[in-house]
Amino acid sequence: MKRRLFTKILCFMVVLSVFLTGCNFTGSSTDSTDENTDGESTETGTSDNVLNLSIENDIPDLNQVTTTDSISFSILNNVMEGLYRLDENNEPQPAMAKEVEVTDDKLTYTFTLRDDIKWSNGEPITANDFKYSWMRAMHPDTAGSYSFILADYIKGAKPFSEGKGNADSVGIEVKDDKTLVVHLEKPTPYFLGLTAFVTYFPLNKEFVESQGGEFGLSGDAILYNGPYVITDFGQAEGVVLEKNDQYWDKENVQIEKIDLKVVKELSTALNLYEAGELDRVKLSSANVDAYKDSPEFGTQTNFRSYYVQFNLGDETIANDNIRKALQLAYDPKILEEVILNNGSEAAYGLIPPKMTGPKGQSFREAQGPVIEPDVEKAKELWAKGVDELGFEPELELLTADDSVSKDSGTFLQSQYKKNLGIDISLVTKPYSGRLQAMRDDDFQMVVSAWGADYNDPMTYMDLWAAPPSAFRGNYSDENYDDLVLSAKDEPDDVKRMNQLLEAEKILLKEDAVLAPLYYQGAAYLQKTYVKNLVFHPYGASWDYKYAKIEK
């Protein structure tokens, strides 16, 4: 297998092959499975009705108001629940709410809560718990980066979130303990799906305030209303989930316990899988061909785009020609076929394939490629940028410390050396450290990603709209802002999509804020006795409520 991989890589580039043959791609994820070297699974070591999985990075933040990462989202999605929950077919279904009435103008939603819903401490869940949570997520003093996912839709919420409005003007009414009325600014066809998202989960005010700054930092510092509760929590070690005996639908939760271990290296995860200590594991690119005929092999895709985020606040990166040169100086197809080899697709735009677009097309079909490799043009732009700067730039690329992120960084390092003749330094941090460095404006460029919160390109495009933030590369463009804001208010879907198509071109081609890498896919192995392990392509990815073990 190594010889085959070496030969394959050598066909592309010698420098990269030296790196790859010296590496063993590793690092496991809850969204994947690993492989056996002999192609056969070992089922010893897995107890009945216990699911053993892994996540590929540390757990950054289990405070649902402030968290932004996919790992925390997936954990919270299994210990919490909103008014609606995505089902096995990714459709929103009543959860905490038993029903909803929507006015003819699609602007008012009246939710009726179930009679038997309780917090994990036995206290009843009320409509006030939802209002408190949503208002906390939007209040300028307590809000996180996801305040927009409420404030952009609820009437009167935008000025409140900006500190310009008052709470009484926000369109959230509690009629009684079981009735929550929500008034929207404009018709939003995907609003019920939004209520299944993490930021829309309820919070118990008394409990949150009793925890103070400790809220969300340990299993005991969270009050649960979902299928599971956390019984053991270590940010760098993982979590243990156990069935919530207060959950309203506990009869339909089959798995009693889920052990989620942090395993950053795929080779380690593979060994655990072979020993029967993991039930599902992601395959490294080096092992896909060896296991693709196994009955345990599978692939999956999601609405998650990987890219290089440039920081326009940095003197060197602020130069347009330098950024555009870096966009064009590597071939994403090599990344897809050689480095990843797992179902991921080379990216030539931001919005992933199959995300909804105009007139029955996907957005990607309607737009086509925006950025395509052009080494000669890249050399020309680089020389021009260096001349404008008056010095030869020294560049650093930040990545997380999981295997795929590090391999992506090394790929770019090799491509830039080969095609531009430049050396870039790699800076590797734990996942949470990478996120914090971006928040702290402490990077030049970073391998980053965004997973869709809902099935519409707006879930990507409004991330770079005003106000500018360090996390999004300190980017600001009035034309881009106008297009995104107009699209939010545009009732005609064709016009709205055309505005978003134009906005993507500005973001990538004109302003060169991002350099597309790939759309995430994964190859995995999963024990044949594991059934109904649901993966959502958008929102919180993993849902264990429906999972079963059948031996």
Protein backbone atom coordinates (compact mmCIF):
# COMPACT_ATOMS: atom_id res chain seq x y z
CA MET A 1 0.00 0.00 0.00
CA LYS A 2 2.80 2.45 0.87
CA ARG A 3 4.59 1.64 -2.39
CA ARG A 4 1.40 2.23 -4.37
CA LEU A 5 0.83 5.55 -2.60
CA PHE A 6 4.46 6.58 -3.08
CA THR A 7 4.28 5.88 -6.80
CA LYS A 8 1.02 7.76 -7.09
CA ILE A 9 2.36 10.78 -5.30
CA LEU A 10 5.63 10.77 -7.17
CA CYS A 11 3.66 11.29 -10.34
CA PHE A 12 2.51 14.62 -8.93
CA MET A 13 5.56 15.94 -7.10
CA VAL A 14 8.70 14.72 -5.50
CA VAL A 15 8.71 17.08 -2.55
CA LEU A 16 5.27 16.03 -1.42
CA SER A 17 6.01 12.37 -1.84
CA VAL A 18 8.92 12.60 0.56
CA PHE A 19 6.60 13.98 3.19
CA LEU A 20 3.79 11.54 2.62
CA THR A 21 5.86 8.39 2.64
CA GLY A 22 7.24 9.43 6.01
CA CYS A 23 3.77 9.93 7.50
CA ASN A 24 1.00 7.68 8.67
CA PHE A 25 -2.31 9.51 8.20
CA THR A 26 -4.23 9.29 11.42
CA GLY A 27 -6.82 10.96 13.63
CA SER A 28 -10.31 9.73 14.32
CA SER A 29 -13.62 11.51 14.29
CA THR A 30 -17.17 11.02 15.39
CA ASP A 31 -18.08 11.58 11.78
CA SER A 32 -16.06 8.67 10.55
CA THR A 33 -14.62 5.24 11.08
CA ASP A 34 -11.22 3.66 10.73
CA GLU A 35 -9.95 0.48 9.14
CA ASN A 36 -8.38 -2.91 9.87
CA THR A 37 -5.12 -3.82 8.20
CA ASP A 38 -6.53 -7.20 7.28
CA GLY A 39 -9.89 -5.89 6.12
CA GLU A 40 -11.80 -7.73 8.83
CA SER A 41 -13.36 -6.31 11.97
CA THR A 42 -12.83 -7.46 15.51
CA GLU A 43 -15.96 -7.23 17.67
CA THR A 44 -14.49 -8.11 21.01
CA GLY A 45 -14.37 -5.43 23.67
CA THR A 46 -17.66 -3.67 22.78
CA SER A 47 -20.39 -4.11 25.39
CA ASP A 48 -24.02 -4.56 24.35
CA ASN A 49 -25.93 -1.30 24.09
CA VAL A 50 -22.78 0.82 24.43
CA LEU A 51 -21.52 2.78 21.44
CA ASN A 52 -17.80 3.58 21.27
CA LEU A 53 -16.86 6.46 18.98
CA SER A 54 -14.11 9.04 18.61
CA ILE A 55 -13.72 12.73 17.86
CA GLU A 56 -10.66 14.07 16.09
CA ASN A 57 -10.03 17.16 18.19
CA ASP A 58 -10.46 18.54 21.69
CA ILE A 59 -13.83 19.94 22.75
CA PRO A 60 -13.68 23.75 22.63
CA ASP A 61 -16.91 24.99 24.22
CA LEU A 62 -20.14 23.37 25.48
CA ASN A 63 -21.83 26.67 26.25
CA GLN A 64 -24.54 26.67 23.58
CA VAL A 65 -24.70 30.48 23.53
CA THR A 66 -21.04 31.00 22.68
CA THR A 67 -19.91 27.82 20.92
CA THR A 68 -19.21 27.85 17.17
CA ASP A 69 -17.48 24.56 16.33
CA SER A 70 -18.82 21.34 14.82
CA ILE A 71 -17.52 19.06 17.61
CA SER A 72 -19.32 20.98 20.35
CA PHE A 73 -22.43 21.27 18.17
CA SER A 74 -22.63 17.50 17.75
CA ILE A 75 -22.23 16.82 21.47
CA LEU A 76 -24.81 19.44 22.42
CA ASN A 77 -27.23 18.11 19.79
CA ASN A 78 -27.34 14.82 21.68
CA VAL A 79 -27.75 16.20 25.19
CA MET A 80 -30.07 19.09 24.30
CA GLU A 81 -33.09 19.60 22.06
CA GLY A 82 -34.96 22.46 20.44
CA LEU A 83 -38.58 23.00 19.49
CA TYR A 84 -37.90 20.83 16.45
CA ARG A 85 -35.30 18.13 15.73
CA LEU A 86 -33.93 16.91 12.40
CA ASP A 87 -35.05 13.35 11.65
CA GLU A 88 -33.20 10.55 9.89
CA ASN A 89 -33.99 12.20 6.53
CA ASN A 90 -32.75 15.62 7.67
CA GLU A 91 -36.28 17.02 7.90
CA PRO A 92 -37.39 19.05 10.96
CA GLN A 93 -39.90 17.23 13.16
CA PRO A 94 -41.70 18.34 16.36
CA ALA A 95 -39.52 17.76 19.45
CA MET A 96 -39.96 20.00 22.52
CA ALA A 97 -42.94 21.42 20.63
CA LYS A 98 -45.82 19.10 19.85
CA GLU A 99 -47.25 21.39 17.17
CA VAL A 100 -47.00 24.79 15.52
CA GLU A 101 -49.48 27.13 13.86
CA VAL A 102 -48.19 29.47 11.16
CA THR A 103 -50.12 32.49 9.93
CA ASP A 104 -50.94 32.84 6.24
CA ASP A 105 -48.34 35.59 5.82
CA LYS A 106 -45.68 33.24 7.26
CA LEU A 107 -44.63 35.85 9.82
CA THR A 108 -46.00 34.43 13.07
CA TYR A 109 -45.28 30.98 14.51
CA THR A 110 -47.20 29.78 17.58
CA PHE A 111 -45.51 26.78 19.19
CA THR A 112 -47.30 24.56 21.71
CA LEU A 113 -44.93 22.64 23.97
CA ARG A 114 -45.42 19.02 24.98
CA ASP A 115 -46.96 18.31 28.36
CA ASP A 116 -44.31 15.88 29.57
CA ILE A 117 -41.02 17.67 28.86
CA LYS A 118 -38.58 18.02 31.77
CA TRP A 119 -35.05 19.08 32.49
CA SER A 120 -32.66 16.36 33.63
CA ASN A 121 -33.21 17.48 37.23
CA GLY A 122 -36.94 16.81 36.90
CA GLU A 123 -38.09 20.42 36.62
CA PRO A 124 -40.60 21.21 33.86
CA ILE A 125 -39.44 22.92 30.67
CA THR A 126 -41.50 26.00 29.85
CA ALA A 127 -41.84 28.56 27.08
CA ASN A 128 -39.91 30.96 29.31
CA ASP A 129 -36.86 28.68 29.04
CA PHE A 130 -36.82 29.24 25.29
CA LYS A 131 -37.30 32.99 25.53
CA TYR A 132 -34.58 33.29 28.17
CA SER A 133 -32.12 31.29 26.06
CA TRP A 134 -32.82 33.18 22.85
CA MET A 135 -32.60 36.58 24.52
CA ARG A 136 -29.36 35.58 26.25
CA ALA A 137 -27.93 34.49 22.89
CA MET A 138 -28.71 37.94 21.45
CA HIS A 139 -27.98 40.25 24.37
CA PRO A 140 -24.81 42.29 23.68
CA ASP A 141 -23.41 41.39 27.12
CA THR A 142 -23.80 37.61 26.77
CA ALA A 143 -24.09 36.88 23.04
CA GLY A 144 -21.64 34.78 21.07
CA SER A 145 -20.82 34.66 17.37
CA TYR A 146 -24.12 32.95 16.58
CA SER A 147 -26.43 35.73 17.75
CA PHE A 148 -27.16 36.44 14.08
CA ILE A 149 -28.92 33.12 13.60
CA LEU A 150 -31.68 34.47 15.84
CA ALA A 151 -31.35 38.24 15.34
CA ASP A 152 -31.49 38.09 11.55
CA TYR A 153 -34.95 36.48 11.59
CA ILE A 154 -36.91 37.49 14.70
CA LYS A 155 -38.76 40.79 14.56
CA GLY A 156 -37.04 43.57 16.48
CA ALA A 157 -34.11 41.33 17.39
CA LYS A 158 -31.42 42.94 15.23
CA PRO A 159 -31.41 46.33 16.98
CA PHE A 160 -31.62 44.59 20.36
CA SER A 161 -28.56 42.47 19.57
CA GLU A 162 -26.68 45.61 18.52
CA GLY A 163 -27.53 47.38 21.77
CA LYS A 164 -29.86 49.83 20.01
CA GLY A 165 -33.24 48.32 20.89
CA ASN A 166 -35.01 47.11 24.01
CA ALA A 167 -36.11 43.62 25.01
CA ASP A 168 -39.82 44.48 24.85
CA SER A 169 -39.51 45.13 21.11
CA VAL A 170 -38.20 41.62 20.34
CA GLY A 171 -40.87 39.44 18.74
CA ILE A 172 -40.83 36.58 21.27
CA GLU A 173 -43.98 36.21 23.36
CA VAL A 174 -44.70 33.78 26.19
CA LYS A 175 -48.48 33.38 26.31
CA ASP A 176 -48.27 30.76 29.06
CA ASP A 177 -45.92 27.96 30.16
CA LYS A 178 -46.79 25.90 27.10
CA THR A 179 -47.21 28.57 24.40
CA LEU A 180 -44.38 30.42 22.64
CA VAL A 181 -45.20 32.93 19.89
CA VAL A 182 -42.45 34.06 17.51
CA HIS A 183 -42.82 37.00 15.11
CA LEU A 184 -40.46 37.10 12.12
CA GLU A 185 -39.16 40.08 10.17
CA LYS A 186 -39.85 38.36 6.87
CA PRO A 187 -41.04 34.96 5.63
CA THR A 188 -38.31 32.39 6.21
CA PRO A 189 -39.09 29.02 4.61
CA TYR A 190 -36.40 27.21 6.62
CA PHE A 191 -37.35 28.65 10.04
CA LEU A 192 -38.57 25.36 11.52
CA GLY A 193 -35.22 23.84 10.62
CA LEU A 194 -33.49 26.70 12.43
CA THR A 195 -35.33 25.83 15.64
CA ALA A 196 -33.46 22.51 15.61
CA PHE A 197 -30.13 24.36 15.71
CA VAL A 198 -27.98 24.55 18.85
CA THR A 199 -28.45 28.29 19.49
CA TYR A 200 -32.23 27.75 19.60
CA PHE A 201 -32.05 25.22 22.46
CA PRO A 202 -33.67 26.27 25.77
CA LEU A 203 -31.86 27.22 28.97
CA ASN A 204 -33.02 27.14 32.59
CA LYS A 205 -32.40 30.66 33.91
CA GLU A 206 -32.05 29.70 37.58
CA PHE A 207 -29.54 26.96 36.78
CA VAL A 208 -27.45 29.06 34.36
CA GLU A 209 -27.20 31.95 36.81
CA SER A 210 -26.30 29.60 39.67
CA GLN A 211 -23.34 28.30 37.64
CA GLY A 212 -22.00 31.75 36.75
CA GLY A 213 -18.76 31.54 34.81
CA GLU A 214 -18.62 27.76 35.29
CA PHE A 215 -21.64 27.14 33.06
CA GLY A 216 -20.82 24.60 30.35
CA LEU A 217 -17.32 23.84 31.65
CA SER A 218 -18.16 20.42 33.11
CA GLY A 219 -20.86 17.80 32.88
CA ASP A 220 -22.37 18.96 36.16
CA ALA A 221 -22.48 22.57 34.92
CA ILE A 222 -25.07 21.83 32.21
CA LEU A 223 -28.78 21.06 32.63
CA TYR A 224 -29.98 18.69 29.92
CA ASN A 225 -33.20 18.17 27.99
CA GLY A 226 -32.04 15.88 25.17
CA PRO A 227 -31.73 12.11 24.68
CA TYR A 228 -28.52 11.90 26.74
CA VAL A 229 -26.70 13.52 29.65
CA ILE A 230 -22.94 13.94 30.10
CA THR A 231 -21.58 11.81 32.93
CA ASP A 232 -17.86 12.35 32.25
CA PHE A 233 -16.20 15.28 30.50
CA GLY A 234 -12.58 16.13 29.73
CA GLN A 235 -11.84 18.75 27.09
CA ALA A 236 -8.82 16.87 25.76
CA GLU A 237 -10.06 13.36 26.67
CA GLY A 238 -13.68 13.21 25.51
CA VAL A 239 -17.14 12.72 26.96
CA VAL A 240 -19.34 9.89 28.15
CA LEU A 241 -23.05 10.19 27.37
CA GLU A 242 -25.72 8.18 29.18
CA LYS A 243 -29.41 7.92 28.44
CA ASN A 244 -31.50 10.71 29.96
CA ASP A 245 -34.27 9.14 32.06
CA GLN A 246 -36.18 12.46 32.01
CA TYR A 247 -36.26 12.73 28.20
CA TRP A 248 -39.80 12.83 26.79
CA ASP A 249 -39.04 10.25 24.06
CA LYS A 250 -36.71 7.98 26.02
CA GLU A 251 -38.59 4.85 24.90
CA ASN A 252 -37.24 5.43 21.40
CA VAL A 253 -33.63 5.93 22.51
CA GLN A 254 -31.97 2.52 22.18
CA ILE A 255 -28.31 3.12 23.10
CA GLU A 256 -27.76 3.32 26.86
CA LYS A 257 -24.23 4.75 26.82
CA ILE A 258 -21.92 6.43 24.32
CA ASP A 259 -18.18 6.84 24.91
CA LEU A 260 -16.69 9.62 22.76
CA LYS A 261 -12.89 9.59 22.97
CA VAL A 262 -10.65 12.35 21.65
CA VAL A 263 -8.31 10.52 19.25
CA LYS A 264 -6.36 12.88 17.02
CA GLU A 265 -4.30 10.33 15.10
CA LEU A 266 -5.98 8.03 12.60
CA SER A 267 -3.41 5.30 13.19
CA THR A 268 -4.29 5.27 16.89
CA ALA A 269 -7.98 5.17 16.06
CA LEU A 270 -7.36 2.33 13.63
CA ASN A 271 -5.65 0.30 16.33
CA LEU A 272 -8.58 0.93 18.68
CA TYR A 273 -11.03 -0.13 15.97
CA GLU A 274 -9.10 -3.33 15.29
CA ALA A 275 -9.04 -4.08 19.02
CA GLY A 276 -12.83 -3.70 19.14
CA GLU A 277 -12.64 -0.52 21.22
CA LEU A 278 -14.22 1.72 18.57
CA ASP A 279 -17.35 0.98 16.56
CA ARG A 280 -16.75 3.48 13.79
CA VAL A 281 -13.61 5.21 12.57
CA LYS A 282 -12.47 7.48 9.75
CA LEU A 283 -10.15 6.06 7.10
CA SER A 284 -6.99 7.85 6.11
CA SER A 285 -6.38 8.37 2.41
CA ALA A 286 -3.60 5.77 2.48
CA ASN A 287 -6.03 3.03 3.49
CA VAL A 288 -9.13 3.74 1.41
CA ASP A 289 -8.12 1.52 -1.50
CA ALA A 290 -7.29 -1.37 0.83
CA TYR A 291 -10.69 -1.32 2.55
CA LYS A 292 -13.13 -0.10 -0.07
CA ASP A 293 -14.35 -3.68 -0.68
CA SER A 294 -14.98 -4.37 3.00
CA PRO A 295 -18.65 -4.73 4.07
CA GLU A 296 -17.81 -2.22 6.82
CA PHE A 297 -16.66 0.45 4.35
CA GLY A 298 -18.71 3.53 3.53
CA THR A 299 -18.45 7.17 2.46
CA GLN A 300 -20.41 10.28 3.30
CA THR A 301 -20.49 13.93 2.29
CA ASN A 302 -21.69 17.04 4.05
CA PHE A 303 -22.14 20.74 3.45
CA ARG A 304 -18.72 21.70 4.79
CA SER A 305 -16.16 23.73 2.85
CA TYR A 306 -12.45 23.96 3.68
CA TYR A 307 -10.40 26.95 2.60
CA VAL A 308 -7.47 29.17 3.46
CA GLN A 309 -8.74 32.24 5.32
CA PHE A 310 -6.50 35.24 4.64
CA ASN A 311 -6.12 37.92 7.31
CA LEU A 312 -6.37 41.27 5.54
CA GLY A 313 -5.24 42.97 8.73
CA ASP A 314 -1.71 41.69 8.12
CA GLU A 315 0.56 44.03 6.12
CA THR A 316 1.72 41.34 3.70
CA ILE A 317 -1.60 39.55 3.27
CA ALA A 318 -3.38 42.89 2.76
CA ASN A 319 -1.72 43.05 -0.67
CA ASP A 320 -4.26 41.89 -3.28
CA ASN A 321 -1.70 40.40 -5.64
CA ILE A 322 -0.06 38.35 -2.90
CA ARG A 323 -3.42 36.81 -1.95
CA LYS A 324 -4.43 36.18 -5.55
CA ALA A 325 -1.07 34.53 -6.23
CA LEU A 326 -1.57 32.22 -3.25
CA GLN A 327 -5.06 31.35 -4.52
CA LEU A 328 -3.79 30.18 -7.90
CA ALA A 329 -0.51 28.48 -6.96
CA TYR A 330 -1.84 25.06 -5.92
CA ASP A 331 -4.04 22.39 -7.47
CA PRO A 332 -7.00 21.29 -5.27
CA LYS A 333 -7.37 18.18 -7.45
CA ILE A 334 -4.06 16.86 -6.11
CA LEU A 335 -5.33 17.49 -2.60
CA GLU A 336 -8.50 15.55 -3.41
CA GLU A 337 -6.90 12.57 -5.13
CA VAL A 338 -3.59 12.17 -3.34
CA ILE A 339 -3.84 13.64 0.13
CA LEU A 340 -7.48 13.07 1.03
CA ASN A 341 -8.66 10.20 -1.22
CA ASN A 342 -11.79 9.83 0.93
CA GLY A 343 -14.77 11.16 -0.99
CA SER A 344 -13.89 14.82 -0.50
CA GLU A 345 -14.05 16.97 -3.65
CA ALA A 346 -11.66 19.64 -4.89
CA ALA A 347 -13.16 23.09 -4.29
CA TYR A 348 -13.21 25.87 -6.85
CA GLY A 349 -15.73 27.99 -4.97
CA LEU A 350 -17.07 28.44 -1.45
CA ILE A 351 -20.59 26.97 -1.57
CA PRO A 352 -20.54 23.13 -1.53
CA PRO A 353 -22.10 20.88 -4.18
CA LYS A 354 -25.80 19.98 -3.83
CA MET A 355 -26.64 23.03 -1.71
CA THR A 356 -29.83 24.59 -3.00
CA GLY A 357 -29.59 27.15 -5.81
CA PRO A 358 -31.77 28.88 -8.43
CA LYS A 359 -34.41 27.28 -10.67
CA GLY A 360 -33.94 23.73 -9.45
CA GLN A 361 -30.17 23.81 -9.88
CA SER A 362 -27.65 23.54 -7.11
CA PHE A 363 -25.77 26.75 -6.36
CA ARG A 364 -22.53 25.17 -7.55
CA GLU A 365 -24.12 24.09 -10.86
CA ALA A 366 -25.42 27.61 -11.46
CA GLN A 367 -22.12 29.31 -10.60
CA GLY A 368 -19.49 26.93 -11.89
CA PRO A 369 -15.84 27.30 -10.80
CA VAL A 370 -14.74 30.69 -9.46
CA ILE A 371 -11.06 30.04 -8.69
CA GLU A 372 -9.00 27.62 -10.81
CA PRO A 373 -5.25 26.92 -10.55
CA ASP A 374 -2.97 28.91 -12.87
CA VAL A 375 0.68 28.66 -11.90
CA GLU A 376 2.00 31.09 -14.53
CA LYS A 377 -0.52 33.73 -13.51
CA ALA A 378 0.33 33.07 -9.85
CA LYS A 379 4.02 33.72 -10.51
CA GLU A 380 3.19 36.97 -12.29
CA LEU A 381 0.93 38.16 -9.44
CA TRP A 382 3.47 37.16 -6.79
CA ALA A 383 6.25 39.14 -8.49
CA LYS A 384 3.95 42.13 -8.77
CA GLY A 385 2.95 41.88 -5.12
CA VAL A 386 6.56 41.64 -3.95
CA ASP A 387 7.43 44.68 -6.00
CA GLU A 388 4.54 46.63 -4.45
CA LEU A 389 5.55 45.59 -0.93
CA GLY A 390 9.20 46.32 -1.47
CA PHE A 391 10.32 43.18 0.34
CA GLU A 392 10.12 39.39 0.08
CA PRO A 393 7.28 38.29 2.39
CA GLU A 394 7.69 35.79 5.21
CA LEU A 395 4.49 33.80 5.55
CA GLU A 396 3.00 31.57 8.25
CA LEU A 397 0.10 29.18 7.77
CA LEU A 398 -1.88 28.21 10.87
CA THR A 399 -3.53 24.78 11.11
CA ALA A 400 -5.18 22.62 13.74
CA ASP A 401 -3.16 19.64 14.98
CA ASP A 402 -5.33 16.82 13.57
CA SER A 403 -3.87 14.74 10.76
CA VAL A 404 -5.98 16.08 7.88
CA SER A 405 -5.35 19.72 8.80
CA LYS A 406 -1.62 19.15 9.15
CA ASP A 407 -1.50 17.25 5.86
CA SER A 408 -3.40 20.05 4.12
CA GLY A 409 -0.89 22.54 5.48
CA THR A 410 2.07 20.47 4.31
CA PHE A 411 0.44 20.10 0.88
CA LEU A 412 0.17 23.88 0.53
CA GLN A 413 3.72 24.34 1.81
CA SER A 414 4.98 21.94 -0.88
CA GLN A 415 2.89 23.48 -3.67
CA TYR A 416 4.03 27.01 -2.84
CA LYS A 417 7.66 25.88 -2.79
CA LYS A 418 7.29 24.09 -6.10
CA ASN A 419 5.20 26.65 -7.97
CA LEU A 420 6.26 29.98 -6.45
CA GLY A 421 9.68 29.08 -5.07
CA ILE A 422 8.75 30.37 -1.62
CA ASP A 423 9.03 28.86 1.84
CA ILE A 424 6.13 29.20 4.24
CA SER A 425 6.20 28.21 7.90
CA LEU A 426 3.52 26.00 9.44
CA VAL A 427 2.12 26.84 12.86
CA THR A 428 0.15 24.00 14.46
CA LYS A 429 -2.20 24.40 17.42
CA PRO A 430 -4.91 22.27 19.05
CA TYR A 431 -8.30 22.86 17.47
CA SER A 432 -9.46 25.17 20.25
CA GLY A 433 -6.12 26.99 20.08
CA ARG A 434 -6.51 27.51 16.34
CA LEU A 435 -9.97 29.01 16.89
CA GLN A 436 -8.68 31.27 19.65
CA ALA A 437 -5.77 32.49 17.53
CA MET A 438 -8.27 33.52 14.86
CA ARG A 439 -10.40 35.36 17.44
CA ASP A 440 -7.27 37.06 18.76
CA ASP A 441 -6.23 38.23 15.27
CA ASP A 442 -3.02 36.23 15.67
CA PHE A 443 -2.56 34.74 12.19
CA GLN A 444 -1.64 35.60 8.61
CA MET A 445 -3.51 32.77 6.93
CA VAL A 446 -5.19 29.69 8.32
CA VAL A 447 -6.67 26.41 7.10
CA SER A 448 -10.26 26.85 8.21
CA ALA A 449 -13.71 25.55 7.39
CA TRP A 450 -17.38 26.25 7.67
CA GLY A 451 -20.21 23.72 7.91
CA ALA A 452 -23.68 24.82 6.86
CA ASP A 453 -26.22 25.58 9.57
CA TYR A 454 -29.11 25.17 7.10
CA ASN A 455 -29.61 24.32 3.44
CA ASP A 456 -29.20 27.73 1.83
CA PRO A 457 -26.08 29.59 0.59
CA MET A 458 -26.86 32.44 2.97
CA THR A 459 -25.49 30.23 5.75
CA TYR A 460 -22.06 30.95 4.21
CA MET A 461 -22.39 34.34 2.59
CA ASP A 462 -23.46 36.36 5.62
CA LEU A 463 -20.36 35.26 7.57
CA TRP A 464 -18.21 37.87 5.80
CA ALA A 465 -20.81 40.65 5.81
CA ALA A 466 -20.36 43.68 8.06
CA PRO A 467 -19.21 44.22 10.71
CA PRO A 468 -15.69 42.93 9.95
CA SER A 469 -14.07 40.57 12.45
CA ALA A 470 -10.62 39.12 12.96
CA PHE A 471 -12.13 35.63 12.81
CA ARG A 472 -13.23 36.33 9.22
CA GLY A 473 -9.96 37.94 8.20
CA ASN A 474 -10.90 41.59 8.92
CA TYR A 475 -12.70 41.73 5.58
CA SER A 476 -14.96 44.60 4.61
CA ASP A 477 -16.50 45.47 1.23
CA GLU A 478 -19.56 47.67 0.74
CA ASN A 479 -20.57 45.99 -2.53
CA TYR A 480 -20.44 42.59 -0.90
CA ASP A 481 -22.41 43.82 2.12
CA ASP A 482 -25.08 45.39 -0.10
CA LEU A 483 -25.57 42.18 -2.07
CA VAL A 484 -25.88 40.01 1.04
CA LEU A 485 -28.22 42.40 2.83
CA SER A 486 -30.37 42.79 -0.29
CA ALA A 487 -30.56 39.02 -0.66
CA LYS A 488 -31.83 38.71 2.90
CA ASP A 489 -34.74 41.02 2.10
CA GLU A 490 -35.45 39.84 -1.45
CA PRO A 491 -38.73 37.86 -1.69
CA ASP A 492 -38.06 36.69 -5.25
CA ASP A 493 -35.90 33.58 -4.94
CA VAL A 494 -34.32 33.87 -8.41
CA LYS A 495 -33.24 37.46 -7.77
CA ARG A 496 -32.02 36.51 -4.31
CA MET A 497 -29.90 33.67 -5.67
CA ASN A 498 -28.43 35.91 -8.38
CA GLN A 499 -27.34 38.35 -5.68
CA LEU A 500 -25.65 35.53 -3.76
CA LEU A 501 -23.95 34.25 -6.92
CA GLU A 502 -22.48 37.69 -7.48
CA ALA A 503 -21.46 37.97 -3.83
CA GLU A 504 -19.45 34.74 -4.04
CA LYS A 505 -17.54 36.10 -7.04
CA ILE A 506 -16.68 39.29 -5.15
CA LEU A 507 -15.56 37.39 -2.06
CA LEU A 508 -13.31 34.98 -3.93
CA LYS A 509 -12.29 36.42 -7.28
CA GLU A 510 -12.33 40.19 -6.81
CA ASP A 511 -11.31 40.46 -3.15
CA ALA A 512 -9.48 37.12 -2.75
CA VAL A 513 -10.49 36.73 0.88
CA LEU A 514 -10.41 32.92 0.74
CA ALA A 515 -8.55 30.24 -1.18
CA PRO A 516 -10.86 27.22 -1.70
CA LEU A 517 -9.41 23.81 -0.79
CA TYR A 518 -12.03 21.07 -0.71
CA TYR A 519 -15.59 20.09 0.12
CA GLN A 520 -15.48 17.60 2.95
CA GLY A 521 -16.18 13.95 2.46
CA ALA A 522 -15.16 11.00 4.57
CA ALA A 523 -14.43 7.33 4.07
CA TYR A 524 -15.03 5.18 7.10
CA LEU A 525 -15.45 1.73 8.54
CA GLN A 526 -18.38 0.95 10.79
CA LYS A 527 -19.15 -2.26 12.60
CA THR A 528 -21.99 -4.06 10.90
CA TYR A 529 -23.96 -4.31 14.15
CA VAL A 530 -24.25 -0.50 14.39
CA LYS A 531 -27.48 0.72 12.78
CA ASN A 532 -29.10 4.13 12.20
CA LEU A 533 -26.14 6.27 13.16
CA VAL A 534 -27.49 9.49 11.65
CA PHE A 535 -25.26 12.08 10.02
CA HIS A 536 -26.78 15.43 9.03
CA PRO A 537 -25.02 17.27 6.15
CA TYR A 538 -25.79 20.62 7.80
CA GLY A 539 -26.40 21.96 11.31
CA ALA A 540 -25.17 19.71 14.11
CA SER A 541 -23.75 16.73 12.22
CA TRP A 542 -24.24 13.73 14.48
CA ASP A 543 -27.46 12.44 16.03
CA TYR A 544 -27.25 9.33 18.21
CA LYS A 545 -30.92 9.31 19.23
CA TYR A 546 -31.84 6.92 16.41
CA ALA A 547 -28.83 4.60 16.72
CA LYS A 548 -29.14 0.89 17.51
CA ILE A 549 -26.84 -2.05 18.14
CA GLU A 550 -28.05 -5.31 16.60
CA LYS A 551 -25.77 -8.29 17.18
